PDB file of all heavy atoms in Angstrom:
ATOM      1  N   SER A   1      79.686 114.788  95.037  1.00  0.00           N
ATOM      2  CA  SER A   1      80.778 114.169  94.263  1.00  0.00           C
ATOM      3  C   SER A   1      81.106 112.778  94.805  1.00  0.00           C
ATOM      4  O   SER A   1      81.364 111.830  94.039  1.00  0.00           O
ATOM      5  CB  SER A   1      82.016 115.060  94.315  1.00  0.00           C
ATOM      6  OG  SER A   1      81.744 116.323  93.759  1.00  0.00           O
ATOM      7  N   LEU A   2      81.087 112.675  96.139  1.00  0.00           N
ATOM      8  CA  LEU A   2      81.358 111.377  96.754  1.00  0.00           C
ATOM      9  C   LEU A   2      80.282 110.355  96.389  1.00  0.00           C
ATOM     10  O   LEU A   2      80.576 109.180  96.095  1.00  0.00           O
ATOM     11  CB  LEU A   2      81.451 111.537  98.271  1.00  0.00           C
ATOM     12  CG  LEU A   2      81.906 110.317  99.067  1.00  0.00           C
ATOM     13  CD1 LEU A   2      83.329 109.925  98.664  1.00  0.00           C
ATOM     14  CD2 LEU A   2      81.848 110.610 100.566  1.00  0.00           C
ATOM     15  N   PHE A   3      79.025 110.836  96.374  1.00  0.00           N
ATOM     16  CA  PHE A   3      77.917 109.960  96.020  1.00  0.00           C
ATOM     17  C   PHE A   3      78.041 109.500  94.560  1.00  0.00           C
ATOM     18  O   PHE A   3      77.791 108.322  94.237  1.00  0.00           O
ATOM     19  CB  PHE A   3      76.599 110.702  96.240  1.00  0.00           C
ATOM     20  CG  PHE A   3      75.398 109.850  96.037  1.00  0.00           C
ATOM     21  CD1 PHE A   3      74.999 108.916  96.994  1.00  0.00           C
ATOM     22  CD2 PHE A   3      74.629 109.966  94.886  1.00  0.00           C
ATOM     23  CE1 PHE A   3      73.876 108.130  96.789  1.00  0.00           C
ATOM     24  CE2 PHE A   3      73.516 109.178  94.684  1.00  0.00           C
ATOM     25  CZ  PHE A   3      73.128 108.263  95.642  1.00  0.00           C
ATOM     26  N   ARG A   4      78.445 110.389  93.667  1.00  0.00           N
ATOM     27  CA  ARG A   4      78.608 110.046  92.261  1.00  0.00           C
ATOM     28  C   ARG A   4      79.776 109.077  92.057  1.00  0.00           C
ATOM     29  O   ARG A   4      79.746 108.215  91.161  1.00  0.00           O
ATOM     30  CB  ARG A   4      78.808 111.308  91.420  1.00  0.00           C
ATOM     31  CG  ARG A   4      77.565 112.178  91.349  1.00  0.00           C
ATOM     32  CD  ARG A   4      77.832 113.452  90.559  1.00  0.00           C
ATOM     33  NE  ARG A   4      76.671 114.307  90.561  1.00  0.00           N
ATOM     34  CZ  ARG A   4      75.643 114.210  89.713  1.00  0.00           C
ATOM     35  NH1 ARG A   4      75.659 113.259  88.770  1.00  0.00           N
ATOM     36  NH2 ARG A   4      74.614 115.024  89.776  1.00  0.00           N
ATOM     37  N   MET A   5      80.813 109.235  92.878  1.00  0.00           N
ATOM     38  CA  MET A   5      81.925 108.291  92.807  1.00  0.00           C
ATOM     39  C   MET A   5      81.441 106.878  93.136  1.00  0.00           C
ATOM     40  O   MET A   5      81.864 105.884  92.508  1.00  0.00           O
ATOM     41  CB  MET A   5      83.025 108.706  93.786  1.00  0.00           C
ATOM     42  CG  MET A   5      83.843 109.922  93.355  1.00  0.00           C
ATOM     43  SD  MET A   5      84.999 110.411  94.650  1.00  0.00           S
ATOM     44  CE  MET A   5      85.982 108.903  94.808  1.00  0.00           C
ATOM     45  N   ALA A   6      80.545 106.826  94.131  1.00  0.00           N
ATOM     46  CA  ALA A   6      80.042 105.512  94.538  1.00  0.00           C
ATOM     47  C   ALA A   6      79.178 104.890  93.454  1.00  0.00           C
ATOM     48  O   ALA A   6      79.123 103.652  93.318  1.00  0.00           O
ATOM     49  CB  ALA A   6      79.245 105.632  95.838  1.00  0.00           C
ATOM     50  N   LEU A   7      78.522 105.715  92.643  1.00  0.00           N
ATOM     51  CA  LEU A   7      77.647 105.195  91.594  1.00  0.00           C
ATOM     52  C   LEU A   7      78.386 104.917  90.292  1.00  0.00           C
ATOM     53  O   LEU A   7      77.886 104.178  89.435  1.00  0.00           O
ATOM     54  CB  LEU A   7      76.494 106.175  91.324  1.00  0.00           C
ATOM     55  CG  LEU A   7      75.515 106.410  92.482  1.00  0.00           C
ATOM     56  CD1 LEU A   7      74.481 107.459  92.086  1.00  0.00           C
ATOM     57  CD2 LEU A   7      74.831 105.106  92.875  1.00  0.00           C
ATOM     58  N   ALA A   8      79.551 105.521  90.071  1.00  0.00           N
ATOM     59  CA  ALA A   8      80.257 105.394  88.799  1.00  0.00           C
ATOM     60  C   ALA A   8      80.985 104.065  88.724  1.00  0.00           C
ATOM     61  O   ALA A   8      81.634 103.616  89.696  1.00  0.00           O
ATOM     62  CB  ALA A   8      81.236 106.545  88.635  1.00  0.00           C
ATOM     63  N   ASP A   9      80.894 103.411  87.552  1.00  0.00           N
ATOM     64  CA  ASP A   9      81.629 102.165  87.327  1.00  0.00           C
ATOM     65  C   ASP A   9      82.903 102.412  86.517  1.00  0.00           C
ATOM     66  O   ASP A   9      83.858 101.639  86.603  1.00  0.00           O
ATOM     67  CB  ASP A   9      80.721 101.174  86.564  1.00  0.00           C
ATOM     68  CG  ASP A   9      79.529 100.732  87.411  1.00  0.00           C
ATOM     69  OD1 ASP A   9      79.689 100.687  88.651  1.00  0.00           O
ATOM     70  OD2 ASP A   9      78.458 100.488  86.818  1.00  0.00           O
ATOM     71  N   ASP A  10      82.900 103.501  85.745  1.00  0.00           N
ATOM     72  CA  ASP A  10      84.045 103.820  84.900  1.00  0.00           C
ATOM     73  C   ASP A  10      85.147 104.449  85.762  1.00  0.00           C
ATOM     74  O   ASP A  10      84.897 105.446  86.478  1.00  0.00           O
ATOM     75  CB  ASP A  10      83.623 104.787  83.797  1.00  0.00           C
ATOM     76  CG  ASP A  10      84.765 105.042  82.813  1.00  0.00           C
ATOM     77  OD1 ASP A  10      85.832 104.438  82.965  1.00  0.00           O
ATOM     78  OD2 ASP A  10      84.573 105.883  81.904  1.00  0.00           O
ATOM     79  N   PRO A  11      86.363 103.928  85.739  1.00  0.00           N
ATOM     80  CA  PRO A  11      87.453 104.490  86.566  1.00  0.00           C
ATOM     81  C   PRO A  11      87.739 105.962  86.210  1.00  0.00           C
ATOM     82  O   PRO A  11      88.036 106.782  87.092  1.00  0.00           O
ATOM     83  CB  PRO A  11      88.645 103.591  86.266  1.00  0.00           C
ATOM     84  CG  PRO A  11      88.054 102.323  85.771  1.00  0.00           C
ATOM     85  CD  PRO A  11      86.799 102.683  85.054  1.00  0.00           C
ATOM     86  N   PHE A  12      87.660 106.296  84.915  1.00  0.00           N
ATOM     87  CA  PHE A  12      87.928 107.680  84.528  1.00  0.00           C
ATOM     88  C   PHE A  12      86.856 108.633  85.059  1.00  0.00           C
ATOM     89  O   PHE A  12      87.144 109.743  85.520  1.00  0.00           O
ATOM     90  CB  PHE A  12      88.027 107.786  82.998  1.00  0.00           C
ATOM     91  CG  PHE A  12      89.196 107.066  82.427  1.00  0.00           C
ATOM     92  CD1 PHE A  12      89.039 105.813  81.819  1.00  0.00           C
ATOM     93  CD2 PHE A  12      90.474 107.609  82.519  1.00  0.00           C
ATOM     94  CE1 PHE A  12      90.122 105.148  81.297  1.00  0.00           C
ATOM     95  CE2 PHE A  12      91.565 106.930  81.960  1.00  0.00           C
ATOM     96  CZ  PHE A  12      91.392 105.693  81.362  1.00  0.00           C
ATOM     97  N   GLU A  13      85.617 108.212  84.974  1.00  0.00           N
ATOM     98  CA  GLU A  13      84.529 109.044  85.513  1.00  0.00           C
ATOM     99  C   GLU A  13      84.688 109.201  87.018  1.00  0.00           C
ATOM    100  O   GLU A  13      84.458 110.283  87.592  1.00  0.00           O
ATOM    101  CB  GLU A  13      83.187 108.391  85.179  1.00  0.00           C
ATOM    102  CG  GLU A  13      81.994 109.236  85.642  1.00  0.00           C
ATOM    103  CD  GLU A  13      80.677 108.557  85.314  1.00  0.00           C
ATOM    104  OE1 GLU A  13      80.700 107.481  84.658  1.00  0.00           O
ATOM    105  OE2 GLU A  13      79.639 109.125  85.713  1.00  0.00           O
ATOM    106  N   ARG A  14      85.122 108.090  87.683  1.00  0.00           N
ATOM    107  CA  ARG A  14      85.310 108.176  89.133  1.00  0.00           C
ATOM    108  C   ARG A  14      86.442 109.149  89.481  1.00  0.00           C
ATOM    109  O   ARG A  14      86.349 109.889  90.473  1.00  0.00           O
ATOM    110  CB  ARG A  14      85.624 106.776  89.665  1.00  0.00           C
ATOM    111  CG  ARG A  14      85.734 106.699  91.179  1.00  0.00           C
ATOM    112  CD  ARG A  14      85.961 105.274  91.623  1.00  0.00           C
ATOM    113  NE  ARG A  14      84.813 104.412  91.281  1.00  0.00           N
ATOM    114  CZ  ARG A  14      84.799 103.099  91.455  1.00  0.00           C
ATOM    115  NH1 ARG A  14      85.869 102.464  91.921  1.00  0.00           N
ATOM    116  NH2 ARG A  14      83.726 102.387  91.137  1.00  0.00           N
ATOM    117  N   ASP A  15      87.494 109.167  88.650  1.00  0.00           N
ATOM    118  CA  ASP A  15      88.596 110.124  88.897  1.00  0.00           C
ATOM    119  C   ASP A  15      88.117 111.561  88.758  1.00  0.00           C
ATOM    120  O   ASP A  15      88.543 112.462  89.514  1.00  0.00           O
ATOM    121  CB  ASP A  15      89.744 109.850  87.933  1.00  0.00           C
ATOM    122  CG  ASP A  15      90.472 108.531  88.261  1.00  0.00           C
ATOM    123  OD1 ASP A  15      90.324 108.072  89.411  1.00  0.00           O
ATOM    124  OD2 ASP A  15      91.170 108.026  87.375  1.00  0.00           O
ATOM    125  N   THR A  16      87.253 111.783  87.754  1.00  0.00           N
ATOM    126  CA  THR A  16      86.719 113.149  87.564  1.00  0.00           C
ATOM    127  C   THR A  16      85.947 113.601  88.791  1.00  0.00           C
ATOM    128  O   THR A  16      86.115 114.733  89.290  1.00  0.00           O
ATOM    129  CB  THR A  16      85.828 113.193  86.319  1.00  0.00           C
ATOM    130  OG1 THR A  16      86.578 112.796  85.182  1.00  0.00           O
ATOM    131  CG2 THR A  16      85.269 114.595  86.113  1.00  0.00           C
ATOM    132  N   HIS A  17      85.085 112.717  89.318  1.00  0.00           N
ATOM    133  CA  HIS A  17      84.305 113.065  90.526  1.00  0.00           C
ATOM    134  C   HIS A  17      85.215 113.231  91.734  1.00  0.00           C
ATOM    135  O   HIS A  17      84.954 114.062  92.623  1.00  0.00           O
ATOM    136  CB  HIS A  17      83.250 111.997  90.798  1.00  0.00           C
ATOM    137  CG  HIS A  17      82.167 111.930  89.765  1.00  0.00           C
ATOM    138  ND1 HIS A  17      81.497 113.048  89.321  1.00  0.00           N
ATOM    139  CD2 HIS A  17      81.640 110.865  89.074  1.00  0.00           C
ATOM    140  CE1 HIS A  17      80.603 112.695  88.414  1.00  0.00           C
ATOM    141  NE2 HIS A  17      80.675 111.355  88.229  1.00  0.00           N
ATOM    142  N   PHE A  18      86.295 112.445  91.745  1.00  0.00           N
ATOM    143  CA  PHE A  18      87.220 112.563  92.883  1.00  0.00           C
ATOM    144  C   PHE A  18      87.928 113.934  92.866  1.00  0.00           C
ATOM    145  O   PHE A  18      88.147 114.530  93.932  1.00  0.00           O
ATOM    146  CB  PHE A  18      88.241 111.420  92.824  1.00  0.00           C
ATOM    147  CG  PHE A  18      89.226 111.442  93.962  1.00  0.00           C
ATOM    148  CD1 PHE A  18      88.828 111.088  95.249  1.00  0.00           C
ATOM    149  CD2 PHE A  18      90.553 111.819  93.757  1.00  0.00           C
ATOM    150  CE1 PHE A  18      89.735 111.123  96.296  1.00  0.00           C
ATOM    151  CE2 PHE A  18      91.455 111.851  94.809  1.00  0.00           C
ATOM    152  CZ  PHE A  18      91.052 111.509  96.082  1.00  0.00           C
ATOM    153  N   MET A  19      88.306 114.408  91.682  1.00  0.00           N
ATOM    154  CA  MET A  19      88.924 115.741  91.581  1.00  0.00           C
ATOM    155  C   MET A  19      87.943 116.830  92.029  1.00  0.00           C
ATOM    156  O   MET A  19      88.319 117.784  92.738  1.00  0.00           O
ATOM    157  CB  MET A  19      89.373 115.998  90.141  1.00  0.00           C
ATOM    158  CG  MET A  19      90.528 115.101  89.691  1.00  0.00           C
ATOM    159  SD  MET A  19      90.983 115.360  87.959  1.00  0.00           S
ATOM    160  CE  MET A  19      91.468 117.069  88.006  1.00  0.00           C
ATOM    161  N   GLU A  20      86.666 116.693  91.625  1.00  0.00           N
ATOM    162  CA  GLU A  20      85.651 117.651  92.056  1.00  0.00           C
ATOM    163  C   GLU A  20      85.454 117.571  93.567  1.00  0.00           C
ATOM    164  O   GLU A  20      85.240 118.594  94.251  1.00  0.00           O
ATOM    165  CB  GLU A  20      84.342 117.369  91.325  1.00  0.00           C
ATOM    166  CG  GLU A  20      83.275 118.448  91.548  1.00  0.00           C
ATOM    167  CD  GLU A  20      82.049 118.183  90.692  1.00  0.00           C
ATOM    168  OE1 GLU A  20      82.037 117.183  89.944  1.00  0.00           O
ATOM    169  OE2 GLU A  20      81.104 118.992  90.785  1.00  0.00           O
ATOM    170  N   PHE A  21      85.550 116.343  94.112  1.00  0.00           N
ATOM    171  CA  PHE A  21      85.446 116.138  95.551  1.00  0.00           C
ATOM    172  C   PHE A  21      86.562 116.877  96.291  1.00  0.00           C
ATOM    173  O   PHE A  21      86.326 117.551  97.299  1.00  0.00           O
ATOM    174  CB  PHE A  21      85.494 114.615  95.839  1.00  0.00           C
ATOM    175  CG  PHE A  21      85.629 114.253  97.278  1.00  0.00           C
ATOM    176  CD1 PHE A  21      84.535 114.261  98.128  1.00  0.00           C
ATOM    177  CD2 PHE A  21      86.877 113.886  97.790  1.00  0.00           C
ATOM    178  CE1 PHE A  21      84.687 113.922  99.454  1.00  0.00           C
ATOM    179  CE2 PHE A  21      87.016 113.561  99.134  1.00  0.00           C
ATOM    180  CZ  PHE A  21      85.912 113.566  99.968  1.00  0.00           C
ATOM    181  N   ASN A  22      87.781 116.753  95.779  1.00  0.00           N
ATOM    182  CA  ASN A  22      88.909 117.441  96.418  1.00  0.00           C
ATOM    183  C   ASN A  22      88.799 118.962  96.308  1.00  0.00           C
ATOM    184  O   ASN A  22      89.110 119.709  97.254  1.00  0.00           O
ATOM    185  CB  ASN A  22      90.222 116.966  95.796  1.00  0.00           C
ATOM    186  CG  ASN A  22      90.564 115.553  96.214  1.00  0.00           C
ATOM    187  OD1 ASN A  22      90.162 115.104  97.296  1.00  0.00           O
ATOM    188  ND2 ASN A  22      91.285 114.824  95.367  1.00  0.00           N
ATOM    189  N   ARG A  23      88.355 119.433  95.109  1.00  0.00           N
ATOM    190  CA  ARG A  23      88.207 120.887  94.925  1.00  0.00           C
ATOM    191  C   ARG A  23      87.144 121.458  95.872  1.00  0.00           C
ATOM    192  O   ARG A  23      87.321 122.527  96.452  1.00  0.00           O
ATOM    193  CB  ARG A  23      87.864 121.183  93.472  1.00  0.00           C
ATOM    194  CG  ARG A  23      87.788 122.684  93.192  1.00  0.00           C
ATOM    195  CD  ARG A  23      87.769 122.982  91.689  1.00  0.00           C
ATOM    196  NE  ARG A  23      86.634 122.313  91.031  1.00  0.00           N
ATOM    197  CZ  ARG A  23      86.732 121.259  90.235  1.00  0.00           C
ATOM    198  NH1 ARG A  23      87.926 120.717  89.981  1.00  0.00           N
ATOM    199  NH2 ARG A  23      85.661 120.713  89.665  1.00  0.00           N
ATOM    200  N   ALA A  24      86.047 120.740  96.044  1.00  0.00           N
ATOM    201  CA  ALA A  24      85.008 121.189  96.974  1.00  0.00           C
ATOM    202  C   ALA A  24      85.525 121.205  98.403  1.00  0.00           C
ATOM    203  O   ALA A  24      85.217 122.093  99.195  1.00  0.00           O
ATOM    204  CB  ALA A  24      83.771 120.296  96.847  1.00  0.00           C
ATOM    205  N   GLY A  25      86.349 120.204  98.752  1.00  0.00           N
ATOM    206  CA  GLY A  25      86.934 120.203 100.082  1.00  0.00           C
ATOM    207  C   GLY A  25      87.837 121.407 100.300  1.00  0.00           C
ATOM    208  O   GLY A  25      87.872 121.979 101.399  1.00  0.00           O
ATOM    209  N   PHE A  26      88.599 121.756  99.244  1.00  0.00           N
ATOM    210  CA  PHE A  26      89.426 122.942  99.353  1.00  0.00           C
ATOM    211  C   PHE A  26      88.586 124.209  99.583  1.00  0.00           C
ATOM    212  O   PHE A  26      88.941 125.075 100.394  1.00  0.00           O
ATOM    213  CB  PHE A  26      90.272 123.092  98.090  1.00  0.00           C
ATOM    214  CG  PHE A  26      91.046 124.374  98.026  1.00  0.00           C
ATOM    215  CD1 PHE A  26      92.207 124.544  98.776  1.00  0.00           C
ATOM    216  CD2 PHE A  26      90.602 125.429  97.229  1.00  0.00           C
ATOM    217  CE1 PHE A  26      92.905 125.738  98.717  1.00  0.00           C
ATOM    218  CE2 PHE A  26      91.302 126.609  97.179  1.00  0.00           C
ATOM    219  CZ  PHE A  26      92.455 126.776  97.915  1.00  0.00           C
ATOM    220  N   LEU A  27      87.459 124.291  98.902  1.00  0.00           N
ATOM    221  CA  LEU A  27      86.583 125.443  99.053  1.00  0.00           C
ATOM    222  C   LEU A  27      85.982 125.518 100.460  1.00  0.00           C
ATOM    223  O   LEU A  27      85.846 126.604 101.039  1.00  0.00           O
ATOM    224  CB  LEU A  27      85.471 125.412  98.001  1.00  0.00           C
ATOM    225  CG  LEU A  27      85.906 125.605  96.556  1.00  0.00           C
ATOM    226  CD1 LEU A  27      84.717 125.449  95.608  1.00  0.00           C
ATOM    227  CD2 LEU A  27      86.545 126.983  96.372  1.00  0.00           C
ATOM    228  N   VAL A  28      85.631 124.343 101.002  1.00  0.00           N
ATOM    229  CA  VAL A  28      85.116 124.321 102.381  1.00  0.00           C
ATOM    230  C   VAL A  28      86.172 124.829 103.351  1.00  0.00           C
ATOM    231  O   VAL A  28      85.904 125.656 104.233  1.00  0.00           O
ATOM    232  CB  VAL A  28      84.653 122.895 102.755  1.00  0.00           C
ATOM    233  CG1 VAL A  28      84.334 122.819 104.250  1.00  0.00           C
ATOM    234  CG2 VAL A  28      83.439 122.497 101.938  1.00  0.00           C
ATOM    235  N   GLY A  29      87.392 124.358 103.213  1.00  0.00           N
ATOM    236  CA  GLY A  29      88.459 124.825 104.093  1.00  0.00           C
ATOM    237  C   GLY A  29      88.763 126.292 103.924  1.00  0.00           C
ATOM    238  O   GLY A  29      89.006 127.012 104.917  1.00  0.00           O
ATOM    239  N   SER A  30      88.756 126.795 102.680  1.00  0.00           N
ATOM    240  CA  SER A  30      89.031 128.211 102.436  1.00  0.00           C
ATOM    241  C   SER A  30      87.956 129.097 103.061  1.00  0.00           C
ATOM    242  O   SER A  30      88.233 130.131 103.670  1.00  0.00           O
ATOM    243  CB  SER A  30      89.101 128.479 100.919  1.00  0.00           C
ATOM    244  OG  SER A  30      90.152 127.744 100.335  1.00  0.00           O
ATOM    245  N   GLY A  31      86.656 128.657 102.910  1.00  0.00           N
ATOM    246  CA  GLY A  31      85.577 129.443 103.494  1.00  0.00           C
ATOM    247  C   GLY A  31      85.676 129.519 105.000  1.00  0.00           C
ATOM    248  O   GLY A  31      85.477 130.577 105.613  1.00  0.00           O
ATOM    249  N   ARG A  32      85.999 128.405 105.625  1.00  0.00           N
ATOM    250  CA  ARG A  32      86.122 128.395 107.099  1.00  0.00           C
ATOM    251  C   ARG A  32      87.320 129.229 107.558  1.00  0.00           C
ATOM    252  O   ARG A  32      87.252 129.920 108.576  1.00  0.00           O
ATOM    253  CB  ARG A  32      86.238 126.946 107.581  1.00  0.00           C
ATOM    254  CG  ARG A  32      84.927 126.174 107.500  1.00  0.00           C
ATOM    255  CD  ARG A  32      85.110 124.704 107.866  1.00  0.00           C
ATOM    256  NE  ARG A  32      85.770 124.531 109.154  1.00  0.00           N
ATOM    257  CZ  ARG A  32      85.181 124.669 110.342  1.00  0.00           C
ATOM    258  NH1 ARG A  32      83.873 124.961 110.383  1.00  0.00           N
ATOM    259  NH2 ARG A  32      85.857 124.501 111.461  1.00  0.00           N
ATOM    260  N   ASN A  33      88.419 129.180 106.829  1.00  0.00           N
ATOM    261  CA  ASN A  33      89.583 130.006 107.193  1.00  0.00           C
ATOM    262  C   ASN A  33      89.247 131.507 107.076  1.00  0.00           C
ATOM    263  O   ASN A  33      89.676 132.321 107.912  1.00  0.00           O
ATOM    264  CB  ASN A  33      90.776 129.673 106.297  1.00  0.00           C
ATOM    265  CG  ASN A  33      91.358 128.315 106.624  1.00  0.00           C
ATOM    266  OD1 ASN A  33      91.271 127.858 107.773  1.00  0.00           O
ATOM    267  ND2 ASN A  33      91.957 127.659 105.636  1.00  0.00           N
ATOM    268  N   ALA A  34      88.503 131.852 106.029  1.00  0.00           N
ATOM    269  CA  ALA A  34      88.117 133.261 105.862  1.00  0.00           C
ATOM    270  C   ALA A  34      87.203 133.708 107.004  1.00  0.00           C
ATOM    271  O   ALA A  34      87.334 134.835 107.517  1.00  0.00           O
ATOM    272  CB  ALA A  34      87.408 133.452 104.515  1.00  0.00           C
ATOM    273  N   LEU A  35      86.295 132.823 107.449  1.00  0.00           N
ATOM    274  CA  LEU A  35      85.433 133.154 108.589  1.00  0.00           C
ATOM    275  C   LEU A  35      86.266 133.345 109.859  1.00  0.00           C
ATOM    276  O   LEU A  35      86.050 134.284 110.637  1.00  0.00           O
ATOM    277  CB  LEU A  35      84.407 132.035 108.806  1.00  0.00           C
ATOM    278  CG  LEU A  35      83.168 132.046 107.920  1.00  0.00           C
ATOM    279  CD1 LEU A  35      82.346 130.784 108.138  1.00  0.00           C
ATOM    280  CD2 LEU A  35      82.316 133.278 108.209  1.00  0.00           C
TER     281      LEU A  35
END
């Protein structure tokens, strides 16, 4: 998602990738907490 943000020129598309970036970060933290 971070890589796609860097490639996107459209601000709206970049926001979409940023939301996916944050959601993935939440999943990483949740998985580590469960471990």
